[in-house]
């Protein structure tokens, strides 16, 4: 598998998509990221990241059904692919190893 490199915002969008599971679409991802990061997040920025992640094969998407609450519009629902989950696992491993290597700080139980 070719390794995917992500920017910080792409990583956050991928993580939020994984957290939301079957409920991941643009607005729910924005809401999740605002709540967890306490920073301004634009819907268009999330959409750009979602499509970029889909191009990299880390997300897949499909159109959901139209609902009256959305004025008959359909939502594009996103899911993390197996490759996306592997990328998240790799990122987590690298970060944990780096944190553990900080002199005087250990996050691992002893």
PDB file of N, CA and C in Angstrom:
ATOM      1  N   UNK A   1       0.834  -1.183   0.000  1.00  0.00           N
ATOM      2  CA  UNK A   1       0.000   0.000   0.000  1.00  0.00           C
ATOM      3  C   UNK A   1       0.876   1.242   0.000  1.00  0.00           C
ATOM      4  N   UNK A   2       0.563   2.171  -0.875  1.00  0.00           N
ATOM      5  CA  UNK A   2       1.291   3.424  -0.909  1.00  0.00           C
ATOM      6  C   UNK A   2       0.879   4.269   0.293  1.00  0.00           C
ATOM      7  N   UNK A   3       1.857   4.881   0.912  1.00  0.00           N
ATOM      8  CA  UNK A   3       1.592   5.676   2.102  1.00  0.00           C
ATOM      9  C   UNK A   3       0.977   7.015   1.706  1.00  0.00           C
ATOM     10  N   UNK A   4      -0.075   7.401   2.434  1.00  0.00           N
ATOM     11  CA  UNK A   4      -0.713   8.695   2.201  1.00  0.00           C
ATOM     12  C   UNK A   4      -0.241   9.685   3.250  1.00  0.00           C
ATOM     13  N   UNK A   5       0.117  10.852   2.815  1.00  0.00           N
ATOM     14  CA  UNK A   5       0.514  11.908   3.730  1.00  0.00           C
ATOM     15  C   UNK A   5      -0.626  12.908   3.816  1.00  0.00           C
ATOM     16  N   UNK A   6      -0.955  13.283   5.028  1.00  0.00           N
ATOM     17  CA  UNK A   6      -2.078  14.184   5.250  1.00  0.00           C
ATOM     18  C   UNK A   6      -1.618  15.450   5.939  1.00  0.00           C
ATOM     19  N   UNK A   7      -2.300  16.544   5.593  1.00  0.00           N
ATOM     20  CA  UNK A   7      -2.131  17.769   6.343  1.00  0.00           C
ATOM     21  C   UNK A   7      -2.946  17.662   7.625  1.00  0.00           C
ATOM     22  N   UNK A   8      -2.714  18.581   8.540  1.00  0.00           N
ATOM     23  CA  UNK A   8      -3.401  18.538   9.832  1.00  0.00           C
ATOM     24  C   UNK A   8      -4.917  18.598   9.659  1.00  0.00           C
ATOM     25  N   UNK A   9      -5.409  19.467   8.774  1.00  0.00           N
ATOM     26  CA  UNK A   9      -6.860  19.592   8.603  1.00  0.00           C
ATOM     27  C   UNK A   9      -7.444  18.340   7.961  1.00  0.00           C
ATOM     28  N   UNK A  10      -6.746  17.775   6.994  1.00  0.00           N
ATOM     29  CA  UNK A  10      -7.216  16.520   6.394  1.00  0.00           C
ATOM     30  C   UNK A  10      -7.299  15.417   7.445  1.00  0.00           C
ATOM     31  N   UNK A  11      -6.317  15.365   8.310  1.00  0.00           N
ATOM     32  CA  UNK A  11      -6.331  14.351   9.369  1.00  0.00           C
ATOM     33  C   UNK A  11      -7.541  14.555  10.278  1.00  0.00           C
ATOM     34  N   UNK A  12      -7.822  15.807  10.645  1.00  0.00           N
ATOM     35  CA  UNK A  12      -8.976  16.085  11.504  1.00  0.00           C
ATOM     36  C   UNK A  12     -10.286  15.685  10.818  1.00  0.00           C
ATOM     37  N   UNK A  13     -10.415  15.984   9.541  1.00  0.00           N
ATOM     38  CA  UNK A  13     -11.632  15.622   8.798  1.00  0.00           C
ATOM     39  C   UNK A  13     -11.773  14.105   8.716  1.00  0.00           C
ATOM     40  N   UNK A  14     -10.669  13.422   8.473  1.00  0.00           N
ATOM     41  CA  UNK A  14     -10.704  11.954   8.421  1.00  0.00           C
ATOM     42  C   UNK A  14     -11.096  11.379   9.781  1.00  0.00           C
ATOM     43  N   UNK A  15     -10.535  11.930  10.853  1.00  0.00           N
ATOM     44  CA  UNK A  15     -10.875  11.467  12.201  1.00  0.00           C
ATOM     45  C   UNK A  15     -12.349  11.733  12.517  1.00  0.00           C
ATOM     46  N   UNK A  16     -12.835  12.909  12.196  1.00  0.00           N
ATOM     47  CA  UNK A  16     -14.250  13.239  12.469  1.00  0.00           C
ATOM     48  C   UNK A  16     -15.171  12.310  11.688  1.00  0.00           C
ATOM     49  N   UNK A  17     -14.809  11.994  10.467  1.00  0.00           N
ATOM     50  CA  UNK A  17     -15.607  11.058   9.666  1.00  0.00           C
ATOM     51  C   UNK A  17     -15.645   9.692  10.336  1.00  0.00           C
ATOM     52  N   UNK A  18     -14.523   9.259  10.858  1.00  0.00           N
ATOM     53  CA  UNK A  18     -14.480   7.965  11.555  1.00  0.00           C
ATOM     54  C   UNK A  18     -15.338   8.004  12.814  1.00  0.00           C
ATOM     55  N   UNK A  19     -15.294   9.108  13.545  1.00  0.00           N
ATOM     56  CA  UNK A  19     -16.083   9.240  14.780  1.00  0.00           C
ATOM     57  C   UNK A  19     -17.578   9.186  14.476  1.00  0.00           C
ATOM     58  N   UNK A  20     -17.984   9.841  13.400  1.00  0.00           N
ATOM     59  CA  UNK A  20     -19.416   9.955  13.088  1.00  0.00           C
ATOM     60  C   UNK A  20     -19.996   8.697  12.430  1.00  0.00           C
ATOM     61  N   UNK A  21     -19.127   7.812  11.977  1.00  0.00           N
ATOM     62  CA  UNK A  21     -19.548   6.561  11.326  1.00  0.00           C
ATOM     63  C   UNK A  21     -20.593   6.805  10.234  1.00  0.00           C
ATOM     64  N   UNK A  22     -21.808   6.271  10.389  1.00  0.00           N
ATOM     65  CA  UNK A  22     -22.827   6.370   9.336  1.00  0.00           C
ATOM     66  C   UNK A  22     -23.456   7.760   9.207  1.00  0.00           C
ATOM     67  N   UNK A  23     -23.148   8.667  10.115  1.00  0.00           N
ATOM     68  CA  UNK A  23     -23.755  10.000  10.082  1.00  0.00           C
ATOM     69  C   UNK A  23     -22.822  11.087   9.582  1.00  0.00           C
ATOM     70  N   UNK A  24     -21.788  10.715   8.822  1.00  0.00           N
ATOM     71  CA  UNK A  24     -20.783  11.690   8.402  1.00  0.00           C
ATOM     72  C   UNK A  24     -21.144  12.336   7.072  1.00  0.00           C
ATOM     73  N   UNK A  25     -21.456  13.613   7.126  1.00  0.00           N
ATOM     74  CA  UNK A  25     -21.596  14.436   5.921  1.00  0.00           C
ATOM     75  C   UNK A  25     -21.128  15.833   6.280  1.00  0.00           C
ATOM     76  N   UNK A  26     -21.043  16.716   5.319  1.00  0.00           N
ATOM     77  CA  UNK A  26     -20.417  18.023   5.513  1.00  0.00           C
ATOM     78  C   UNK A  26     -20.768  18.733   6.810  1.00  0.00           C
ATOM     79  N   UNK A  27     -22.053  18.949   7.055  1.00  0.00           N
ATOM     80  CA  UNK A  27     -22.457  19.730   8.233  1.00  0.00           C
ATOM     81  C   UNK A  27     -22.150  19.022   9.547  1.00  0.00           C
ATOM     82  N   UNK A  28     -22.338  17.712   9.603  1.00  0.00           N
ATOM     83  CA  UNK A  28     -22.059  17.012  10.858  1.00  0.00           C
ATOM     84  C   UNK A  28     -20.554  17.013  11.149  1.00  0.00           C
ATOM     85  N   UNK A  29     -19.757  16.954  10.093  1.00  0.00           N
ATOM     86  CA  UNK A  29     -18.301  16.993  10.285  1.00  0.00           C
ATOM     87  C   UNK A  29     -17.874  18.377  10.779  1.00  0.00           C
ATOM     88  N   UNK A  30     -18.442  19.436  10.194  1.00  0.00           N
ATOM     89  CA  UNK A  30     -18.151  20.795  10.666  1.00  0.00           C
ATOM     90  C   UNK A  30     -18.514  20.922  12.142  1.00  0.00           C
ATOM     91  N   UNK A  31     -19.704  20.462  12.502  1.00  0.00           N
ATOM     92  CA  UNK A  31     -20.162  20.548  13.891  1.00  0.00           C
ATOM     93  C   UNK A  31     -19.244  19.774  14.830  1.00  0.00           C
ATOM     94  N   UNK A  32     -18.861  18.581  14.440  1.00  0.00           N
ATOM     95  CA  UNK A  32     -17.975  17.758  15.269  1.00  0.00           C
ATOM     96  C   UNK A  32     -16.626  18.449  15.467  1.00  0.00           C
ATOM     97  N   UNK A  33     -16.082  18.994  14.391  1.00  0.00           N
ATOM     98  CA  UNK A  33     -14.772  19.642  14.493  1.00  0.00           C
ATOM     99  C   UNK A  33     -14.842  20.933  15.309  1.00  0.00           C
ATOM    100  N   UNK A  34     -15.914  21.712  15.149  1.00  0.00           N
ATOM    101  CA  UNK A  34     -16.051  22.935  15.948  1.00  0.00           C
ATOM    102  C   UNK A  34     -16.119  22.597  17.426  1.00  0.00           C
ATOM    103  N   UNK A  35     -16.912  21.585  17.750  1.00  0.00           N
ATOM    104  CA  UNK A  35     -17.080  21.183  19.141  1.00  0.00           C
ATOM    105  C   UNK A  35     -15.768  20.690  19.749  1.00  0.00           C
ATOM    106  N   UNK A  36     -15.024  19.921  18.992  1.00  0.00           N
ATOM    107  CA  UNK A  36     -13.821  19.305  19.557  1.00  0.00           C
ATOM    108  C   UNK A  36     -12.574  20.179  19.481  1.00  0.00           C
ATOM    109  N   UNK A  37     -12.535  21.111  18.523  1.00  0.00           N
ATOM    110  CA  UNK A  37     -11.327  21.927  18.385  1.00  0.00           C
ATOM    111  C   UNK A  37     -11.532  23.360  18.840  1.00  0.00           C
ATOM    112  N   UNK A  38     -12.783  23.765  19.008  1.00  0.00           N
ATOM    113  CA  UNK A  38     -13.106  25.138  19.409  1.00  0.00           C
ATOM    114  C   UNK A  38     -12.473  26.159  18.464  1.00  0.00           C
ATOM    115  N   UNK A  39     -12.524  25.866  17.186  1.00  0.00           N
ATOM    116  CA  UNK A  39     -11.994  26.812  16.208  1.00  0.00           C
ATOM    117  C   UNK A  39     -12.980  26.952  15.055  1.00  0.00           C
ATOM    118  N   UNK A  40     -12.821  28.003  14.294  1.00  0.00           N
ATOM    119  CA  UNK A  40     -13.717  28.269  13.181  1.00  0.00           C
ATOM    120  C   UNK A  40     -13.448  27.273  12.049  1.00  0.00           C
ATOM    121  N   UNK A  41     -14.504  26.614  11.590  1.00  0.00           N
ATOM    122  CA  UNK A  41     -14.377  25.612  10.531  1.00  0.00           C
ATOM    123  C   UNK A  41     -15.388  25.970   9.443  1.00  0.00           C
ATOM    124  N   UNK A  42     -14.936  26.086   8.200  1.00  0.00           N
ATOM    125  CA  UNK A  42     -15.865  26.423   7.118  1.00  0.00           C
ATOM    126  C   UNK A  42     -16.348  25.153   6.416  1.00  0.00           C
ATOM    127  N   UNK A  43     -17.613  25.181   6.014  1.00  0.00           N
ATOM    128  CA  UNK A  43     -18.186  24.044   5.305  1.00  0.00           C
ATOM    129  C   UNK A  43     -17.448  23.808   3.986  1.00  0.00           C
ATOM    130  N   UNK A  44     -17.109  24.883   3.287  1.00  0.00           N
ATOM    131  CA  UNK A  44     -16.418  24.699   2.004  1.00  0.00           C
ATOM    132  C   UNK A  44     -15.031  24.089   2.211  1.00  0.00           C
ATOM    133  N   UNK A  45     -14.362  24.467   3.286  1.00  0.00           N
ATOM    134  CA  UNK A  45     -13.056  23.874   3.589  1.00  0.00           C
ATOM    135  C   UNK A  45     -13.165  22.385   3.872  1.00  0.00           C
ATOM    136  N   UNK A  46     -14.234  22.012   4.591  1.00  0.00           N
ATOM    137  CA  UNK A  46     -14.454  20.593   4.880  1.00  0.00           C
ATOM    138  C   UNK A  46     -14.745  19.842   3.587  1.00  0.00           C
ATOM    139  N   UNK A  47     -15.556  20.439   2.713  1.00  0.00           N
ATOM    140  CA  UNK A  47     -15.871  19.766   1.448  1.00  0.00           C
ATOM    141  C   UNK A  47     -14.612  19.548   0.609  1.00  0.00           C
ATOM    142  N   UNK A  48     -13.753  20.542   0.549  1.00  0.00           N
ATOM    143  CA  UNK A  48     -12.495  20.393  -0.206  1.00  0.00           C
ATOM    144  C   UNK A  48     -11.675  19.233   0.365  1.00  0.00           C
ATOM    145  N   UNK A  49     -11.574  19.179   1.688  1.00  0.00           N
ATOM    146  CA  UNK A  49     -10.808  18.102   2.331  1.00  0.00           C
ATOM    147  C   UNK A  49     -11.468  16.746   2.084  1.00  0.00           C
ATOM    148  N   UNK A  50     -12.795  16.690   2.163  1.00  0.00           N
ATOM    149  CA  UNK A  50     -13.493  15.419   1.933  1.00  0.00           C
ATOM    150  C   UNK A  50     -13.220  14.888   0.534  1.00  0.00           C
ATOM    151  N   UNK A  51     -13.319  15.743  -0.466  1.00  0.00           N
ATOM    152  CA  UNK A  51     -13.103  15.276  -1.842  1.00  0.00           C
ATOM    153  C   UNK A  51     -11.640  14.916  -2.084  1.00  0.00           C
ATOM    154  N   UNK A  52     -10.733  15.649  -1.429  1.00  0.00           N
ATOM    155  CA  UNK A  52      -9.309  15.316  -1.551  1.00  0.00           C
ATOM    156  C   UNK A  52      -9.034  13.942  -0.915  1.00  0.00           C
ATOM    157  N   UNK A  53      -9.632  13.699   0.242  1.00  0.00           N
ATOM    158  CA  UNK A  53      -9.450  12.409   0.914  1.00  0.00           C
ATOM    159  C   UNK A  53     -10.073  11.276   0.098  1.00  0.00           C
ATOM    160  N   UNK A  54     -11.172  11.574  -0.565  1.00  0.00           N
ATOM    161  CA  UNK A  54     -11.810  10.561  -1.409  1.00  0.00           C
ATOM    162  C   UNK A  54     -10.904  10.253  -2.615  1.00  0.00           C
ATOM    163  N   UNK A  55     -10.300  11.267  -3.195  1.00  0.00           N
ATOM    164  CA  UNK A  55      -9.372  11.052  -4.311  1.00  0.00           C
ATOM    165  C   UNK A  55      -8.176  10.197  -3.899  1.00  0.00           C
ATOM    166  N   UNK A  56      -7.757  10.334  -2.647  1.00  0.00           N
ATOM    167  CA  UNK A  56      -6.634   9.543  -2.131  1.00  0.00           C
ATOM    168  C   UNK A  56      -7.052   8.131  -1.752  1.00  0.00           C
ATOM    169  N   UNK A  57      -8.357   7.853  -1.816  1.00  0.00           N
ATOM    170  CA  UNK A  57      -8.850   6.514  -1.485  1.00  0.00           C
ATOM    171  C   UNK A  57      -9.036   6.279   0.002  1.00  0.00           C
ATOM    172  N   UNK A  58      -9.002   7.354   0.785  1.00  0.00           N
ATOM    173  CA  UNK A  58      -9.131   7.208   2.236  1.00  0.00           C
ATOM    174  C   UNK A  58     -10.588   7.309   2.694  1.00  0.00           C
ATOM    175  N   UNK A  59     -11.436   7.847   1.837  1.00  0.00           N
ATOM    176  CA  UNK A  59     -12.875   7.941   2.101  1.00  0.00           C
ATOM    177  C   UNK A  59     -13.624   7.444   0.874  1.00  0.00           C
ATOM    178  N   UNK A  60     -14.839   6.963   1.108  1.00  0.00           N
ATOM    179  CA  UNK A  60     -15.764   6.683   0.012  1.00  0.00           C
ATOM    180  C   UNK A  60     -17.038   7.464   0.321  1.00  0.00           C
ATOM    181  N   UNK A  61     -17.862   7.666  -0.685  1.00  0.00           N
ATOM    182  CA  UNK A  61     -19.095   8.418  -0.450  1.00  0.00           C
ATOM    183  C   UNK A  61     -20.214   7.887  -1.320  1.00  0.00           C
ATOM    184  N   UNK A  62     -21.413   8.201  -0.891  1.00  0.00           N
ATOM    185  CA  UNK A  62     -22.592   7.899  -1.692  1.00  0.00           C
ATOM    186  C   UNK A  62     -23.672   8.909  -1.322  1.00  0.00           C
ATOM    187  N   UNK A  63     -24.574   9.126  -2.265  1.00  0.00           N
ATOM    188  CA  UNK A  63     -25.665  10.058  -2.004  1.00  0.00           C
ATOM    189  C   UNK A  63     -26.742   9.364  -1.194  1.00  0.00           C
ATOM    190  N   UNK A  64     -27.196  10.027  -0.142  1.00  0.00           N
ATOM    191  CA  UNK A  64     -28.310   9.522   0.650  1.00  0.00           C
ATOM    192  C   UNK A  64     -29.619   9.949   0.004  1.00  0.00           C
ATOM    193  N   UNK A  65     -30.715   9.552   0.605  1.00  0.00           N
ATOM    194  CA  UNK A  65     -32.019   9.902   0.080  1.00  0.00           C
ATOM    195  C   UNK A  65     -32.377  11.357   0.352  1.00  0.00           C
ATOM    196  N   UNK A  66     -33.239  11.906  -0.479  1.00  0.00           N
ATOM    197  CA  UNK A  66     -33.719  13.283  -0.285  1.00  0.00           C
ATOM    198  C   UNK A  66     -34.665  13.322   0.898  1.00  0.00           C
ATOM    199  N   UNK A  67     -34.571  14.396   1.673  1.00  0.00           N
ATOM    200  CA  UNK A  67     -35.456  14.541   2.831  1.00  0.00           C
ATOM    201  C   UNK A  67     -36.160  15.884   2.766  1.00  0.00           C
ATOM    202  N   UNK A  68     -37.367  15.920   3.349  1.00  0.00           N
ATOM    203  CA  UNK A  68     -38.136  17.171   3.390  1.00  0.00           C
ATOM    204  C   UNK A  68     -37.419  18.204   4.243  1.00  0.00           C
ATOM    205  N   UNK A  69     -36.735  17.742   5.317  1.00  0.00           N
ATOM    206  CA  UNK A  69     -36.041  18.681   6.204  1.00  0.00           C
ATOM    207  C   UNK A  69     -34.905  19.407   5.488  1.00  0.00           C
ATOM    208  N   UNK A  70     -34.429  18.860   4.392  1.00  0.00           N
ATOM    209  CA  UNK A  70     -33.363  19.510   3.607  1.00  0.00           C
ATOM    210  C   UNK A  70     -33.930  20.081   2.319  1.00  0.00           C
ATOM    211  N   UNK A  71     -35.227  20.280   2.265  1.00  0.00           N
ATOM    212  CA  UNK A  71     -35.840  20.873   1.079  1.00  0.00           C
ATOM    213  C   UNK A  71     -35.747  19.970  -0.135  1.00  0.00           C
ATOM    214  N   UNK A  72     -35.752  18.672   0.093  1.00  0.00           N
ATOM    215  CA  UNK A  72     -35.684  17.726  -1.015  1.00  0.00           C
ATOM    216  C   UNK A  72     -34.278  17.452  -1.515  1.00  0.00           C
ATOM    217  N   UNK A  73     -33.267  18.073  -0.882  1.00  0.00           N
ATOM    218  CA  UNK A  73     -31.882  17.856  -1.319  1.00  0.00           C
ATOM    219  C   UNK A  73     -31.336  16.579  -0.696  1.00  0.00           C
ATOM    220  N   UNK A  74     -30.386  15.984  -1.377  1.00  0.00           N
ATOM    221  CA  UNK A  74     -29.751  14.766  -0.894  1.00  0.00           C
ATOM    222  C   UNK A  74     -28.418  15.102  -0.235  1.00  0.00           C
ATOM    223  N   UNK A  75     -28.032  14.282   0.719  1.00  0.00           N
ATOM    224  CA  UNK A  75     -26.745  14.460   1.397  1.00  0.00           C
ATOM    225  C   UNK A  75     -25.742  13.484   0.810  1.00  0.00           C
ATOM    226  N   UNK A  76     -24.490  13.922   0.697  1.00  0.00           N
ATOM    227  CA  UNK A  76     -23.415  12.993   0.334  1.00  0.00           C
ATOM    228  C   UNK A  76     -22.818  12.488   1.640  1.00  0.00           C
ATOM    229  N   UNK A  77     -22.966  11.194   1.871  1.00  0.00           N
ATOM    230  CA  UNK A  77     -22.502  10.565   3.101  1.00  0.00           C
ATOM    231  C   UNK A  77     -21.108   9.969   2.872  1.00  0.00           C
ATOM    232  N   UNK A  78     -20.232  10.147   3.842  1.00  0.00           N
ATOM    233  CA  UNK A  78     -18.841   9.696   3.717  1.00  0.00           C
ATOM    234  C   UNK A  78     -18.534   8.602   4.737  1.00  0.00           C
ATOM    235  N   UNK A  79     -17.653   7.693   4.331  1.00  0.00           N
ATOM    236  CA  UNK A  79     -17.182   6.609   5.194  1.00  0.00           C
ATOM    237  C   UNK A  79     -15.679   6.470   5.036  1.00  0.00           C
ATOM    238  N   UNK A  80     -15.037   6.071   6.120  1.00  0.00           N
ATOM    239  CA  UNK A  80     -13.608   5.808   6.070  1.00  0.00           C
ATOM    240  C   UNK A  80     -13.396   4.442   5.428  1.00  0.00           C
ATOM    241  N   UNK A  81     -12.503   4.365   4.454  1.00  0.00           N
ATOM    242  CA  UNK A  81     -12.180   3.095   3.797  1.00  0.00           C
ATOM    243  C   UNK A  81     -11.154   2.326   4.646  1.00  0.00           C
ATOM    244  N   UNK A  82     -10.883   1.098   4.257  1.00  0.00           N
ATOM    245  CA  UNK A  82      -9.849   0.311   4.954  1.00  0.00           C
ATOM    246  C   UNK A  82      -8.503   1.024   4.858  1.00  0.00           C
ATOM    247  N   UNK A  83      -8.223   1.616   3.712  1.00  0.00           N
ATOM    248  CA  UNK A  83      -6.976   2.370   3.542  1.00  0.00           C
ATOM    249  C   UNK A  83      -6.957   3.592   4.460  1.00  0.00           C
ATOM    250  N   UNK A  84      -8.108   4.241   4.610  1.00  0.00           N
ATOM    251  CA  UNK A  84      -8.207   5.386   5.522  1.00  0.00           C
ATOM    252  C   UNK A  84      -7.980   4.979   6.964  1.00  0.00           C
ATOM    253  N   UNK A  85      -8.540   3.848   7.362  1.00  0.00           N
ATOM    254  CA  UNK A  85      -8.340   3.365   8.734  1.00  0.00           C
ATOM    255  C   UNK A  85      -6.880   3.008   8.964  1.00  0.00           C
ATOM    256  N   UNK A  86      -6.231   2.401   7.967  1.00  0.00           N
ATOM    257  CA  UNK A  86      -4.807   2.064   8.091  1.00  0.00           C
ATOM    258  C   UNK A  86      -3.965   3.328   8.216  1.00  0.00           C
ATOM    259  N   UNK A  87      -4.330   4.356   7.454  1.00  0.00           N
ATOM    260  CA  UNK A  87      -3.603   5.630   7.546  1.00  0.00           C
ATOM    261  C   UNK A  87      -3.756   6.237   8.936  1.00  0.00           C
ATOM    262  N   UNK A  88      -4.973   6.216   9.480  1.00  0.00           N
ATOM    263  CA  UNK A  88      -5.177   6.740  10.842  1.00  0.00           C
ATOM    264  C   UNK A  88      -4.366   5.942  11.859  1.00  0.00           C
ATOM    265  N   UNK A  89      -4.339   4.635  11.704  1.00  0.00           N
ATOM    266  CA  UNK A  89      -3.560   3.795  12.621  1.00  0.00           C
ATOM    267  C   UNK A  89      -2.071   4.132  12.538  1.00  0.00           C
ATOM    268  N   UNK A  90      -1.564   4.339  11.302  1.00  0.00           N
ATOM    269  CA  UNK A  90      -0.150   4.684  11.124  1.00  0.00           C
ATOM    270  C   UNK A  90       0.176   6.038  11.752  1.00  0.00           C
ATOM    271  N   UNK A  91      -0.699   7.007  11.545  1.00  0.00           N
ATOM    272  CA  UNK A  91      -0.483   8.345  12.122  1.00  0.00           C
ATOM    273  C   UNK A  91      -0.441   8.250  13.644  1.00  0.00           C
ATOM    274  N   UNK A  92      -1.377   7.520  14.206  1.00  0.00           N
ATOM    275  CA  UNK A  92      -1.430   7.383  15.661  1.00  0.00           C
ATOM    276  C   UNK A  92      -0.157   6.727  16.195  1.00  0.00           C
ATOM    277  N   UNK A  93       0.312   5.692  15.508  1.00  0.00           N
ATOM    278  CA  UNK A  93       1.522   4.996  15.952  1.00  0.00           C
ATOM    279  C   UNK A  93       2.728   5.932  15.939  1.00  0.00           C
ATOM    280  N   UNK A  94       2.884   6.672  14.845  1.00  0.00           N
ATOM    281  CA  UNK A  94       4.023   7.589  14.739  1.00  0.00           C
ATOM    282  C   UNK A  94       3.948   8.655  15.826  1.00  0.00           C
ATOM    283  N   UNK A  95       2.765   9.205  16.032  1.00  0.00           N
ATOM    284  CA  UNK A  95       2.628  10.246  17.072  1.00  0.00           C
ATOM    285  C   UNK A  95       2.925   9.690  18.458  1.00  0.00           C
ATOM    286  N   UNK A  96       2.400   8.516  18.755  1.00  0.00           N
ATOM    287  CA  UNK A  96       2.659   7.903  20.066  1.00  0.00           C
ATOM    288  C   UNK A  96       4.148   7.653  20.279  1.00  0.00           C
ATOM    289  N   UNK A  97       4.825   7.176  19.219  1.00  0.00           N
ATOM    290  CA  UNK A  97       6.266   6.925  19.341  1.00  0.00           C
ATOM    291  C   UNK A  97       7.024   8.226  19.575  1.00  0.00           C
ATOM    292  N   UNK A  98       6.621   9.281  18.897  1.00  0.00           N
ATOM    293  CA  UNK A  98       7.295  10.568  19.094  1.00  0.00           C
ATOM    294  C   UNK A  98       7.035  11.121  20.498  1.00  0.00           C
ATOM    295  N   UNK A  99       5.792  11.042  20.965  1.00  0.00           N
ATOM    296  CA  UNK A  99       5.493  11.503  22.328  1.00  0.00           C
ATOM    297  C   UNK A  99       6.293  10.707  23.348  1.00  0.00           C
ATOM    298  N   UNK A 100       6.375   9.402  23.137  1.00  0.00           N
ATOM    299  CA  UNK A 100       7.120   8.549  24.071  1.00  0.00           C
ATOM    300  C   UNK A 100       8.610   8.850  24.052  1.00  0.00           C
ATOM    301  N   UNK A 101       9.102   9.408  22.945  1.00  0.00           N
ATOM    302  CA  UNK A 101      10.530   9.705  22.826  1.00  0.00           C
ATOM    303  C   UNK A 101      10.907  11.061  23.416  1.00  0.00           C
ATOM    304  N   UNK A 102       9.924  11.848  23.824  1.00  0.00           N
ATOM    305  CA  UNK A 102      10.234  13.140  24.427  1.00  0.00           C
ATOM    306  C   UNK A 102      10.923  12.883  25.779  1.00  0.00           C
ATOM    307  N   UNK A 103      12.129  13.431  25.955  1.00  0.00           N
ATOM    308  CA  UNK A 103      12.840  13.191  27.216  1.00  0.00           C
ATOM    309  C   UNK A 103      12.043  13.713  28.418  1.00  0.00           C
ATOM    310  N   UNK A 104      11.945  12.879  29.405  1.00  0.00           N
ATOM    311  CA  UNK A 104      11.282  13.297  30.647  1.00  0.00           C
ATOM    312  C   UNK A 104       9.784  13.130  30.637  1.00  0.00           C
ATOM    313  N   UNK A 105       9.207  12.712  29.510  1.00  0.00           N
ATOM    314  CA  UNK A 105       7.762  12.533  29.425  1.00  0.00           C
ATOM    315  C   UNK A 105       7.494  11.137  28.881  1.00  0.00           C
ATOM    316  N   UNK A 106       6.639  10.418  29.535  1.00  0.00           N
ATOM    317  CA  UNK A 106       6.231   9.122  29.022  1.00  0.00           C
ATOM    318  C   UNK A 106       4.726   8.986  29.163  1.00  0.00           C
ATOM    319  N   UNK A 107       4.059   8.681  28.070  1.00  0.00           N
ATOM    320  CA  UNK A 107       2.622   8.492  28.096  1.00  0.00           C
ATOM    321  C   UNK A 107       2.272   7.016  28.243  1.00  0.00           C
ATOM    322  N   UNK A 108       3.294   6.161  28.165  1.00  0.00           N
ATOM    323  CA  UNK A 108       3.057   4.722  28.291  1.00  0.00           C
ATOM    324  C   UNK A 108       3.028   4.342  29.762  1.00  0.00           C
ATOM    325  N   UNK A 109       2.128   3.411  30.112  1.00  0.00           N
ATOM    326  CA  UNK A 109       2.121   2.952  31.506  1.00  0.00           C
ATOM    327  C   UNK A 109       3.410   2.181  31.806  1.00  0.00           C
ATOM    328  N   UNK A 110       3.928   2.355  32.980  1.00  0.00           N
ATOM    329  CA  UNK A 110       5.166   1.659  33.367  1.00  0.00           C
ATOM    330  C   UNK A 110       4.863   0.572  34.358  1.00  0.00           C
TER     331      UNK A 110
END
